[in-house]
Amino acid sequence: MARAVLSASKVNVYEAVTAQIVAAIEKGAGSCVMPWHGGVLPVTMPLNALTEMPYHGVNVVSLWAQAATKLYPSGYWASYEQWRKLGAQVRKGERGSVIIFYKKLDGEEEPEADEADAPRFVLRQSHVFNFAQVEGWELPDTGRRVSQVIPNEQIAAFVEATNADVRHGGLKACYRRKDDYIAMPAPEMFRGTPTSSPTEAYYAVLLHELTHWTGAPHRLDRVKGKRFGDRDYAFEELVAELGAAFLCSAFRLVNETRPDHAAYIAHWLTMLSRDNRAIFAAAALAQQAVEYLRTIAGGAIV
């Protein structure tokens, strides 16, 4: 295992980065931009991932509505069993979207129509799951996209040395607490933002999720928020983004604190009613998380 060594100036990197972020927020941090492609194809006609056949009728409208509401960027859908046949697995806790279809009646079922010569069909329903809700399957044209992320061997060695379980694929970056792994979009999905390159964006997101990873009960026992938008959830997001900012600076991934960090943190501070103490309390926990990572990775932060 390669020894991962982080370098930083003699100035306290934690205090310096926090001060820069506070200054950016006070100046007006702007808005957050998702740094990866929401999908490699537009959401047009919903398609069945197994049969590659389009859905029809009211199902098209229904699945369009679900995709818009849940922010699913891909038009691929399938039932639980169909995803299983494709070698994919629907993630725990995901809920399916309803589709309807007509099934031909067998001899034991009664027709809905009274006419003797009426077609013998009955209305049925099923549940399908979007590609964004599963693991273990790649979009058909993902392989043709060239990654713009320049590999950083130092950061890669550091993350590997922590023994964190990082899984690439899908369209969402998150730390899945119940299963204790980090989910990341593939590097080729990252496009960067107006203020960061694809490389900076990719590693900033990875280090954000790695900071979340440290909060597991059997590590630092920090992660408490369970619902998106609740106060504990918002505070944990502050910790994770500050941890990412500290690590980006320590690895010299960026020359100065990115506006992206400030914009993201400003959003969650709003959720906390602009609590002036929240960012400093979160910074202390972020520093603890970074030091924990340094210890288990066998690296050093000056």
C-alpha atoms as a PDB file:
ATOM      1  CA  MET A   1       0.000   0.000   0.000  1.00  0.00           C
ATOM      2  CA  ALA A   2       1.484   3.322  -1.014  1.00  0.00           C
ATOM      3  CA  ARG A   3       1.986   5.788   1.779  1.00  0.00           C
ATOM      4  CA  ALA A   4      -0.203   8.827   1.177  1.00  0.00           C
ATOM      5  CA  VAL A   5       1.370  12.085   2.255  1.00  0.00           C
ATOM      6  CA  LEU A   6      -0.559  15.331   2.198  1.00  0.00           C
ATOM      7  CA  SER A   7       1.326  18.584   2.049  1.00  0.00           C
ATOM      8  CA  ALA A   8       0.183  22.016   3.127  1.00  0.00           C
ATOM      9  CA  SER A   9       1.712  25.343   4.084  1.00  0.00           C
ATOM     10  CA  LYS A  10       2.787  26.026   7.648  1.00  0.00           C
ATOM     11  CA  VAL A  11      -0.247  28.256   8.003  1.00  0.00           C
ATOM     12  CA  ASN A  12      -3.084  26.370   9.708  1.00  0.00           C
ATOM     13  CA  VAL A  13      -4.921  25.084   6.660  1.00  0.00           C
ATOM     14  CA  TYR A  14      -8.159  24.545   8.543  1.00  0.00           C
ATOM     15  CA  GLU A  15      -8.405  28.109   9.857  1.00  0.00           C
ATOM     16  CA  ALA A  16      -7.282  29.603   6.554  1.00  0.00           C
ATOM     17  CA  VAL A  17      -9.798  27.689   4.448  1.00  0.00           C
ATOM     18  CA  THR A  18     -12.650  28.364   6.873  1.00  0.00           C
ATOM     19  CA  ALA A  19     -11.828  32.082   6.858  1.00  0.00           C
ATOM     20  CA  GLN A  20     -11.821  32.144   3.043  1.00  0.00           C
ATOM     21  CA  ILE A  21     -15.186  30.396   2.887  1.00  0.00           C
ATOM     22  CA  VAL A  22     -16.730  32.765   5.417  1.00  0.00           C
ATOM     23  CA  ALA A  23     -15.419  35.724   3.409  1.00  0.00           C
ATOM     24  CA  ALA A  24     -16.862  34.280   0.181  1.00  0.00           C
ATOM     25  CA  ILE A  25     -20.240  33.718   1.818  1.00  0.00           C
ATOM     26  CA  GLU A  26     -20.322  37.263   3.175  1.00  0.00           C
ATOM     27  CA  LYS A  27     -19.443  38.590  -0.268  1.00  0.00           C
ATOM     28  CA  GLY A  28     -22.130  36.485  -1.954  1.00  0.00           C
ATOM     29  CA  ALA A  29     -21.271  32.923  -2.784  1.00  0.00           C
ATOM     30  CA  GLY A  30     -23.573  32.407  -5.738  1.00  0.00           C
ATOM     31  CA  SER A  31     -25.437  29.198  -6.481  1.00  0.00           C
ATOM     32  CA  CYS A  32     -24.431  25.539  -6.530  1.00  0.00           C
ATOM     33  CA  VAL A  33     -23.893  23.714  -9.822  1.00  0.00           C
ATOM     34  CA  MET A  34     -23.956  19.915 -10.082  1.00  0.00           C
ATOM     35  CA  PRO A  35     -20.446  19.035 -11.332  1.00  0.00           C
ATOM     36  CA  TRP A  36     -21.363  15.923 -13.288  1.00  0.00           C
ATOM     37  CA  HIS A  37     -23.570  15.254 -16.261  1.00  0.00           C
ATOM     38  CA  GLY A  38     -27.104  14.506 -15.156  1.00  0.00           C
ATOM     39  CA  GLY A  39     -27.184  11.830 -17.846  1.00  0.00           C
ATOM     40  CA  VAL A  40     -25.667  10.947 -21.150  1.00  0.00           C
ATOM     41  CA  LEU A  41     -28.997  11.199 -22.946  1.00  0.00           C
ATOM     42  CA  PRO A  42     -31.988  13.514 -22.643  1.00  0.00           C
ATOM     43  CA  VAL A  43     -35.135  12.258 -20.969  1.00  0.00           C
ATOM     44  CA  THR A  44     -37.281  11.611 -24.025  1.00  0.00           C
ATOM     45  CA  MET A  45     -39.300   8.451 -24.629  1.00  0.00           C
ATOM     46  CA  PRO A  46     -39.146   6.117 -21.599  1.00  0.00           C
ATOM     47  CA  LEU A  47     -37.544   2.810 -22.582  1.00  0.00           C
ATOM     48  CA  ASN A  48     -37.537  -0.595 -20.970  1.00  0.00           C
ATOM     49  CA  ALA A  49     -33.925  -1.430 -20.103  1.00  0.00           C
ATOM     50  CA  LEU A  50     -34.348  -5.171 -20.754  1.00  0.00           C
ATOM     51  CA  THR A  51     -36.440  -5.196 -23.917  1.00  0.00           C
ATOM     52  CA  GLU A  52     -35.317  -1.759 -25.202  1.00  0.00           C
ATOM     53  CA  MET A  53     -38.945  -1.195 -26.183  1.00  0.00           C
ATOM     54  CA  PRO A  54     -40.613   2.179 -25.501  1.00  0.00           C
ATOM     55  CA  TYR A  55     -43.468   2.487 -23.047  1.00  0.00           C
ATOM     56  CA  HIS A  56     -46.817   3.610 -24.454  1.00  0.00           C
ATOM     57  CA  GLY A  57     -49.901   5.625 -23.670  1.00  0.00           C
ATOM     58  CA  VAL A  58     -50.452   6.996 -20.195  1.00  0.00           C
ATOM     59  CA  ASN A  59     -47.288   5.249 -19.008  1.00  0.00           C
ATOM     60  CA  VAL A  60     -45.196   7.711 -21.014  1.00  0.00           C
ATOM     61  CA  VAL A  61     -46.783  10.675 -19.258  1.00  0.00           C
ATOM     62  CA  SER A  62     -46.598   8.944 -15.868  1.00  0.00           C
ATOM     63  CA  LEU A  63     -42.901   8.071 -16.188  1.00  0.00           C
ATOM     64  CA  TRP A  64     -42.082  11.536 -17.531  1.00  0.00           C
ATOM     65  CA  ALA A  65     -43.750  13.012 -14.451  1.00  0.00           C
ATOM     66  CA  GLN A  66     -41.833  10.679 -12.134  1.00  0.00           C
ATOM     67  CA  ALA A  67     -38.535  11.512 -13.824  1.00  0.00           C
ATOM     68  CA  ALA A  68     -39.205  15.239 -13.490  1.00  0.00           C
ATOM     69  CA  THR A  69     -40.330  14.990  -9.859  1.00  0.00           C
ATOM     70  CA  LYS A  70     -37.487  12.724  -8.718  1.00  0.00           C
ATOM     71  CA  LEU A  71     -34.878  14.368 -10.985  1.00  0.00           C
ATOM     72  CA  TYR A  72     -34.122  11.110 -12.776  1.00  0.00           C
ATOM     73  CA  PRO A  73     -31.947  12.091 -15.741  1.00  0.00           C
ATOM     74  CA  SER A  74     -32.208   8.809 -17.643  1.00  0.00           C
ATOM     75  CA  GLY A  75     -35.171   7.371 -19.534  1.00  0.00           C
ATOM     76  CA  TYR A  76     -34.379   3.709 -18.784  1.00  0.00           C
ATOM     77  CA  TRP A  77     -36.866   1.796 -16.617  1.00  0.00           C
ATOM     78  CA  ALA A  78     -37.508  -1.850 -15.732  1.00  0.00           C
ATOM     79  CA  SER A  79     -39.248  -3.979 -13.143  1.00  0.00           C
ATOM     80  CA  TYR A  80     -37.376  -5.444 -10.191  1.00  0.00           C
ATOM     81  CA  GLU A  81     -37.109  -8.837 -11.895  1.00  0.00           C
ATOM     82  CA  GLN A  82     -36.058  -7.296 -15.194  1.00  0.00           C
ATOM     83  CA  TRP A  83     -33.233  -5.410 -13.504  1.00  0.00           C
ATOM     84  CA  ARG A  84     -32.209  -8.657 -11.821  1.00  0.00           C
ATOM     85  CA  LYS A  85     -32.025 -10.367 -15.227  1.00  0.00           C
ATOM     86  CA  LEU A  86     -29.728  -7.564 -16.373  1.00  0.00           C
ATOM     87  CA  GLY A  87     -27.421  -8.262 -13.436  1.00  0.00           C
ATOM     88  CA  ALA A  88     -28.458  -5.105 -11.605  1.00  0.00           C
ATOM     89  CA  GLN A  89     -29.895  -4.629  -8.153  1.00  0.00           C
ATOM     90  CA  VAL A  90     -32.517  -2.122  -7.044  1.00  0.00           C
ATOM     91  CA  ARG A  91     -31.124  -0.271  -4.042  1.00  0.00           C
ATOM     92  CA  LYS A  92     -32.697  -0.856  -0.650  1.00  0.00           C
ATOM     93  CA  GLY A  93     -35.441   1.609   0.186  1.00  0.00           C
ATOM     94  CA  GLU A  94     -36.152   2.629  -3.404  1.00  0.00           C
ATOM     95  CA  ARG A  95     -39.832   2.819  -4.367  1.00  0.00           C
ATOM     96  CA  GLY A  96     -41.111   1.855  -7.796  1.00  0.00           C
ATOM     97  CA  SER A  97     -43.251   3.900 -10.158  1.00  0.00           C
ATOM     98  CA  VAL A  98     -46.617   2.498 -11.249  1.00  0.00           C
ATOM     99  CA  ILE A  99     -47.298   1.544 -14.840  1.00  0.00           C
ATOM    100  CA  ILE A 100     -50.455  -0.067 -16.237  1.00  0.00           C
ATOM    101  CA  PHE A 101     -50.966  -2.666 -18.925  1.00  0.00           C
ATOM    102  CA  TYR A 102     -53.700  -4.906 -20.299  1.00  0.00           C
ATOM    103  CA  LYS A 103     -53.448  -8.629 -19.752  1.00  0.00           C
ATOM    104  CA  LYS A 104     -55.442 -11.191 -21.690  1.00  0.00           C
ATOM    105  CA  LEU A 105     -57.845 -13.059 -19.437  1.00  0.00           C
ATOM    106  CA  ASP A 106     -57.430 -16.768 -18.971  1.00  0.00           C
ATOM    107  CA  GLY A 107     -60.390 -19.124 -18.712  1.00  0.00           C
ATOM    108  CA  GLU A 108     -60.852 -18.672 -14.962  1.00  0.00           C
ATOM    109  CA  GLU A 109     -61.170 -14.912 -14.996  1.00  0.00           C
ATOM    110  CA  GLU A 110     -64.305 -12.943 -15.742  1.00  0.00           C
ATOM    111  CA  PRO A 111     -64.248 -10.331 -18.531  1.00  0.00           C
ATOM    112  CA  GLU A 112     -64.898  -6.701 -17.600  1.00  0.00           C
ATOM    113  CA  ALA A 113     -67.284  -6.179 -20.525  1.00  0.00           C
ATOM    114  CA  ASP A 114     -70.780  -7.653 -20.720  1.00  0.00           C
ATOM    115  CA  GLU A 115     -70.695  -8.267 -24.451  1.00  0.00           C
ATOM    116  CA  ALA A 116     -70.062 -11.891 -25.324  1.00  0.00           C
ATOM    117  CA  ASP A 117     -67.753 -11.049 -28.196  1.00  0.00           C
ATOM    118  CA  ALA A 118     -65.788  -8.351 -26.329  1.00  0.00           C
ATOM    119  CA  PRO A 119     -61.997  -8.772 -26.144  1.00  0.00           C
ATOM    120  CA  ARG A 120     -61.144 -10.590 -22.916  1.00  0.00           C
ATOM    121  CA  PHE A 121     -58.543  -8.271 -21.352  1.00  0.00           C
ATOM    122  CA  VAL A 122     -58.154  -6.995 -17.813  1.00  0.00           C
ATOM    123  CA  LEU A 123     -56.291  -3.939 -16.544  1.00  0.00           C
ATOM    124  CA  ARG A 124     -53.216  -4.706 -14.449  1.00  0.00           C
ATOM    125  CA  GLN A 125     -50.495  -2.636 -12.819  1.00  0.00           C
ATOM    126  CA  SER A 126     -46.815  -3.132 -12.135  1.00  0.00           C
ATOM    127  CA  HIS A 127     -43.935  -1.190 -10.640  1.00  0.00           C
ATOM    128  CA  VAL A 128     -40.798  -0.131 -12.474  1.00  0.00           C
ATOM    129  CA  PHE A 129     -37.567   1.448 -11.275  1.00  0.00           C
ATOM    130  CA  ASN A 130     -35.446   4.037 -13.026  1.00  0.00           C
ATOM    131  CA  PHE A 131     -31.789   3.448 -13.852  1.00  0.00           C
ATOM    132  CA  ALA A 132     -30.893   5.992 -11.169  1.00  0.00           C
ATOM    133  CA  GLN A 133     -32.407   3.648  -8.550  1.00  0.00           C
ATOM    134  CA  VAL A 134     -30.247   0.622  -9.318  1.00  0.00           C
ATOM    135  CA  GLU A 135     -26.647  -0.529  -9.126  1.00  0.00           C
ATOM    136  CA  GLY A 136     -24.645  -2.785 -11.373  1.00  0.00           C
ATOM    137  CA  TRP A 137     -25.753  -1.585 -14.815  1.00  0.00           C
ATOM    138  CA  GLU A 138     -24.258   1.025 -17.107  1.00  0.00           C
ATOM    139  CA  LEU A 139     -26.068   3.173 -19.626  1.00  0.00           C
ATOM    140  CA  PRO A 140     -25.536   1.759 -23.123  1.00  0.00           C
ATOM    141  CA  ASP A 141     -23.508   4.721 -24.395  1.00  0.00           C
ATOM    142  CA  THR A 142     -21.544   5.525 -21.215  1.00  0.00           C
ATOM    143  CA  GLY A 143     -18.513   3.703 -22.584  1.00  0.00           C
ATOM    144  CA  ARG A 144     -18.212   6.132 -25.498  1.00  0.00           C
ATOM    145  CA  ARG A 145     -17.754   9.133 -23.236  1.00  0.00           C
ATOM    146  CA  VAL A 146     -14.119  10.099 -22.672  1.00  0.00           C
ATOM    147  CA  SER A 147     -13.197  11.079 -19.129  1.00  0.00           C
ATOM    148  CA  GLN A 148     -11.850  14.598 -18.675  1.00  0.00           C
ATOM    149  CA  VAL A 149     -10.704  13.810 -15.138  1.00  0.00           C
ATOM    150  CA  ILE A 150      -6.919  13.705 -14.814  1.00  0.00           C
ATOM    151  CA  PRO A 151      -6.029  10.931 -12.319  1.00  0.00           C
ATOM    152  CA  ASN A 152      -4.358  12.165  -9.147  1.00  0.00           C
ATOM    153  CA  GLU A 153      -2.205   9.327  -7.838  1.00  0.00           C
ATOM    154  CA  GLN A 154      -1.647  10.960  -4.465  1.00  0.00           C
ATOM    155  CA  ILE A 155      -5.340  11.350  -3.691  1.00  0.00           C
ATOM    156  CA  ALA A 156      -6.121   7.908  -5.122  1.00  0.00           C
ATOM    157  CA  ALA A 157      -3.480   6.330  -2.863  1.00  0.00           C
ATOM    158  CA  PHE A 158      -4.827   8.222   0.130  1.00  0.00           C
ATOM    159  CA  VAL A 159      -8.421   7.093  -0.456  1.00  0.00           C
ATOM    160  CA  GLU A 160      -7.289   3.508  -1.058  1.00  0.00           C
ATOM    161  CA  ALA A 161      -5.258   3.554   2.167  1.00  0.00           C
ATOM    162  CA  THR A 162      -8.365   4.420   4.175  1.00  0.00           C
ATOM    163  CA  ASN A 163      -9.976   1.139   2.988  1.00  0.00           C
ATOM    164  CA  ALA A 164     -13.179   3.020   2.201  1.00  0.00           C
ATOM    165  CA  ASP A 165     -15.458   1.074  -0.146  1.00  0.00           C
ATOM    166  CA  VAL A 166     -15.911   3.345  -3.187  1.00  0.00           C
ATOM    167  CA  ARG A 167     -18.232   2.132  -5.958  1.00  0.00           C
ATOM    168  CA  HIS A 168     -18.547   3.910  -9.291  1.00  0.00           C
ATOM    169  CA  GLY A 169     -21.660   3.857 -11.430  1.00  0.00           C
ATOM    170  CA  GLY A 170     -25.104   5.396 -11.422  1.00  0.00           C
ATOM    171  CA  LEU A 171     -25.908   9.072 -11.342  1.00  0.00           C
ATOM    172  CA  LYS A 172     -25.680   9.958  -7.676  1.00  0.00           C
ATOM    173  CA  ALA A 173     -22.811  10.721  -5.318  1.00  0.00           C
ATOM    174  CA  CYS A 174     -23.511   9.804  -1.707  1.00  0.00           C
ATOM    175  CA  TYR A 175     -22.363   7.855   1.324  1.00  0.00           C
ATOM    176  CA  ARG A 176     -24.761   4.972   1.885  1.00  0.00           C
ATOM    177  CA  ARG A 177     -24.699   4.667   5.633  1.00  0.00           C
ATOM    178  CA  LYS A 178     -26.661   1.407   5.962  1.00  0.00           C
ATOM    179  CA  ASP A 179     -24.351  -0.478   3.610  1.00  0.00           C
ATOM    180  CA  ASP A 180     -21.243   1.550   4.502  1.00  0.00           C
ATOM    181  CA  TYR A 181     -19.994   2.433   1.047  1.00  0.00           C
ATOM    182  CA  ILE A 182     -19.464   5.530  -1.083  1.00  0.00           C
ATOM    183  CA  ALA A 183     -21.366   5.751  -4.376  1.00  0.00           C
ATOM    184  CA  MET A 184     -19.806   7.921  -7.094  1.00  0.00           C
ATOM    185  CA  PRO A 185     -20.732   8.678 -10.705  1.00  0.00           C
ATOM    186  CA  ALA A 186     -18.073   7.401 -13.099  1.00  0.00           C
ATOM    187  CA  PRO A 187     -15.235   9.895 -13.742  1.00  0.00           C
ATOM    188  CA  GLU A 188     -16.339  10.322 -17.366  1.00  0.00           C
ATOM    189  CA  MET A 189     -19.609  11.803 -16.120  1.00  0.00           C
ATOM    190  CA  PHE A 190     -17.874  14.812 -14.559  1.00  0.00           C
ATOM    191  CA  ARG A 191     -17.914  18.027 -16.550  1.00  0.00           C
ATOM    192  CA  GLY A 192     -16.845  20.434 -13.820  1.00  0.00           C
ATOM    193  CA  THR A 193     -18.540  23.728 -13.061  1.00  0.00           C
ATOM    194  CA  PRO A 194     -18.018  27.330 -14.191  1.00  0.00           C
ATOM    195  CA  THR A 195     -15.374  27.640 -11.452  1.00  0.00           C
ATOM    196  CA  SER A 196     -13.791  24.181 -11.347  1.00  0.00           C
ATOM    197  CA  SER A 197     -12.328  21.709 -13.799  1.00  0.00           C
ATOM    198  CA  PRO A 198     -13.701  18.152 -14.143  1.00  0.00           C
ATOM    199  CA  THR A 199     -10.673  16.927 -12.160  1.00  0.00           C
ATOM    200  CA  GLU A 200     -11.251  19.386  -9.308  1.00  0.00           C
ATOM    201  CA  ALA A 201     -14.960  18.615  -9.299  1.00  0.00           C
ATOM    202  CA  TYR A 202     -14.484  14.835  -9.227  1.00  0.00           C
ATOM    203  CA  TYR A 203     -12.005  14.796  -6.361  1.00  0.00           C
ATOM    204  CA  ALA A 204     -13.879  17.446  -4.377  1.00  0.00           C
ATOM    205  CA  VAL A 205     -17.023  15.284  -4.532  1.00  0.00           C
ATOM    206  CA  LEU A 206     -15.074  12.119  -3.642  1.00  0.00           C
ATOM    207  CA  LEU A 207     -13.445  13.811  -0.640  1.00  0.00           C
ATOM    208  CA  HIS A 208     -16.825  15.208   0.437  1.00  0.00           C
ATOM    209  CA  GLU A 209     -18.278  11.701   0.535  1.00  0.00           C
ATOM    210  CA  LEU A 210     -15.145  10.366   2.233  1.00  0.00           C
ATOM    211  CA  THR A 211     -15.708  12.896   5.021  1.00  0.00           C
ATOM    212  CA  HIS A 212     -19.291  11.621   5.369  1.00  0.00           C
ATOM    213  CA  TRP A 213     -17.803   8.103   5.581  1.00  0.00           C
ATOM    214  CA  THR A 214     -15.832   9.057   8.699  1.00  0.00           C
ATOM    215  CA  GLY A 215     -19.079   9.833  10.551  1.00  0.00           C
ATOM    216  CA  ALA A 216     -20.286   6.220  10.667  1.00  0.00           C
ATOM    217  CA  PRO A 217     -21.154   4.881  14.163  1.00  0.00           C
ATOM    218  CA  HIS A 218     -18.123   2.564  14.197  1.00  0.00           C
ATOM    219  CA  ARG A 219     -15.799   5.413  13.223  1.00  0.00           C
ATOM    220  CA  LEU A 220     -16.359   8.933  14.591  1.00  0.00           C
ATOM    221  CA  ASP A 221     -20.076   8.370  15.264  1.00  0.00           C
ATOM    222  CA  ARG A 222     -21.003  11.769  13.899  1.00  0.00           C
ATOM    223  CA  VAL A 223     -23.725  11.266  11.287  1.00  0.00           C
ATOM    224  CA  LYS A 224     -27.093  11.873  12.949  1.00  0.00           C
ATOM    225  CA  GLY A 225     -29.360  13.430  10.324  1.00  0.00           C
ATOM    226  CA  LYS A 226     -31.715  10.968   8.679  1.00  0.00           C
ATOM    227  CA  ARG A 227     -33.948  13.139   6.506  1.00  0.00           C
ATOM    228  CA  PHE A 228     -32.943  15.450   3.690  1.00  0.00           C
ATOM    229  CA  GLY A 229     -33.289  19.015   4.931  1.00  0.00           C
ATOM    230  CA  ASP A 230     -33.516  18.390   8.676  1.00  0.00           C
ATOM    231  CA  ARG A 231     -31.164  20.323  10.929  1.00  0.00           C
ATOM    232  CA  ASP A 232     -28.801  17.440  11.646  1.00  0.00           C
ATOM    233  CA  TYR A 233     -28.634  16.580   7.946  1.00  0.00           C
ATOM    234  CA  ALA A 234     -27.801  20.191   7.089  1.00  0.00           C
ATOM    235  CA  PHE A 235     -25.097  20.341   9.748  1.00  0.00           C
ATOM    236  CA  GLU A 236     -23.512  17.116   8.514  1.00  0.00           C
ATOM    237  CA  GLU A 237     -23.398  18.576   5.001  1.00  0.00           C
ATOM    238  CA  LEU A 238     -21.443  21.528   6.402  1.00  0.00           C
ATOM    239  CA  VAL A 239     -18.971  19.134   8.002  1.00  0.00           C
ATOM    240  CA  ALA A 240     -18.539  17.120   4.803  1.00  0.00           C
ATOM    241  CA  GLU A 241     -18.040  20.140   2.550  1.00  0.00           C
ATOM    242  CA  LEU A 242     -15.568  21.737   4.927  1.00  0.00           C
ATOM    243  CA  GLY A 243     -13.720  18.431   5.119  1.00  0.00           C
ATOM    244  CA  ALA A 244     -13.577  18.351   1.309  1.00  0.00           C
ATOM    245  CA  ALA A 245     -12.306  21.944   1.240  1.00  0.00           C
ATOM    246  CA  PHE A 246      -9.604  21.155   3.805  1.00  0.00           C
ATOM    247  CA  LEU A 247      -8.460  18.076   1.893  1.00  0.00           C
ATOM    248  CA  CYS A 248      -8.520  19.820  -1.501  1.00  0.00           C
ATOM    249  CA  SER A 249      -6.313  22.533  -0.056  1.00  0.00           C
ATOM    250  CA  ALA A 250      -3.976  20.102   1.705  1.00  0.00           C
ATOM    251  CA  PHE A 251      -3.506  18.085  -1.477  1.00  0.00           C
ATOM    252  CA  ARG A 252      -2.979  21.332  -3.407  1.00  0.00           C
ATOM    253  CA  LEU A 253      -5.728  20.285  -5.759  1.00  0.00           C
ATOM    254  CA  VAL A 254      -6.679  23.965  -5.949  1.00  0.00           C
ATOM    255  CA  ASN A 255      -4.680  27.140  -5.422  1.00  0.00           C
ATOM    256  CA  GLU A 256      -7.438  28.834  -3.461  1.00  0.00           C
ATOM    257  CA  THR A 257     -10.776  27.901  -1.948  1.00  0.00           C
ATOM    258  CA  ARG A 258     -13.256  27.251  -4.729  1.00  0.00           C
ATOM    259  CA  PRO A 259     -16.452  29.308  -4.884  1.00  0.00           C
ATOM    260  CA  ASP A 260     -18.236  25.950  -5.215  1.00  0.00           C
ATOM    261  CA  HIS A 261     -17.458  25.118  -1.585  1.00  0.00           C
ATOM    262  CA  ALA A 262     -18.734  28.489  -0.394  1.00  0.00           C
ATOM    263  CA  ALA A 263     -21.928  28.266  -2.459  1.00  0.00           C
ATOM    264  CA  TYR A 264     -22.708  24.782  -1.183  1.00  0.00           C
ATOM    265  CA  ILE A 265     -22.030  25.727   2.431  1.00  0.00           C
ATOM    266  CA  ALA A 266     -24.079  28.937   2.122  1.00  0.00           C
ATOM    267  CA  HIS A 267     -27.043  26.835   1.027  1.00  0.00           C
ATOM    268  CA  TRP A 268     -26.910  24.665   4.128  1.00  0.00           C
ATOM    269  CA  LEU A 269     -26.275  27.632   6.407  1.00  0.00           C
ATOM    270  CA  THR A 270     -29.585  29.009   5.134  1.00  0.00           C
ATOM    271  CA  MET A 271     -31.213  25.761   6.264  1.00  0.00           C
ATOM    272  CA  LEU A 272     -29.692  26.435   9.674  1.00  0.00           C
ATOM    273  CA  SER A 273     -31.114  29.982   9.702  1.00  0.00           C
ATOM    274  CA  ARG A 274     -27.678  31.526   9.157  1.00  0.00           C
ATOM    275  CA  ASP A 275     -26.420  30.326  12.525  1.00  0.00           C
ATOM    276  CA  ASN A 276     -23.117  32.207  12.793  1.00  0.00           C
ATOM    277  CA  ARG A 277     -21.640  29.541  15.036  1.00  0.00           C
ATOM    278  CA  ALA A 278     -22.599  26.594  12.862  1.00  0.00           C
ATOM    279  CA  ILE A 279     -19.748  26.920  10.380  1.00  0.00           C
ATOM    280  CA  PHE A 280     -17.127  27.073  13.119  1.00  0.00           C
ATOM    281  CA  ALA A 281     -18.597  24.114  15.000  1.00  0.00           C
ATOM    282  CA  ALA A 282     -18.723  22.181  11.720  1.00  0.00           C
ATOM    283  CA  ALA A 283     -15.127  23.201  10.941  1.00  0.00           C
ATOM    284  CA  ALA A 284     -13.953  21.652  14.217  1.00  0.00           C
ATOM    285  CA  LEU A 285     -15.642  18.352  13.351  1.00  0.00           C
ATOM    286  CA  ALA A 286     -14.331  18.512   9.779  1.00  0.00           C
ATOM    287  CA  GLN A 287     -10.805  18.943  11.135  1.00  0.00           C
ATOM    288  CA  GLN A 288     -11.363  15.919  13.369  1.00  0.00           C
ATOM    289  CA  ALA A 289     -12.525  13.921  10.331  1.00  0.00           C
ATOM    290  CA  VAL A 290      -9.470  14.908   8.286  1.00  0.00           C
ATOM    291  CA  GLU A 291      -7.115  13.993  11.121  1.00  0.00           C
ATOM    292  CA  TYR A 292      -8.896  10.653  11.476  1.00  0.00           C
ATOM    293  CA  LEU A 293      -8.394   9.981   7.767  1.00  0.00           C
ATOM    294  CA  ARG A 294      -4.748  11.001   8.027  1.00  0.00           C
ATOM    295  CA  THR A 295      -4.240   8.550  10.880  1.00  0.00           C
ATOM    296  CA  ILE A 296      -5.845   5.512   9.275  1.00  0.00           C
ATOM    297  CA  ALA A 297      -4.245   6.237   5.887  1.00  0.00           C
ATOM    298  CA  GLY A 298      -0.799   6.569   7.375  1.00  0.00           C
ATOM    299  CA  GLY A 299      -0.333   9.986   5.809  1.00  0.00           C
ATOM    300  CA  ALA A 300       0.513  13.355   7.313  1.00  0.00           C
ATOM    301  CA  ILE A 301      -0.833  16.872   7.159  1.00  0.00           C
ATOM    302  CA  VAL A 302       1.675  19.558   8.062  1.00  0.00           C
END
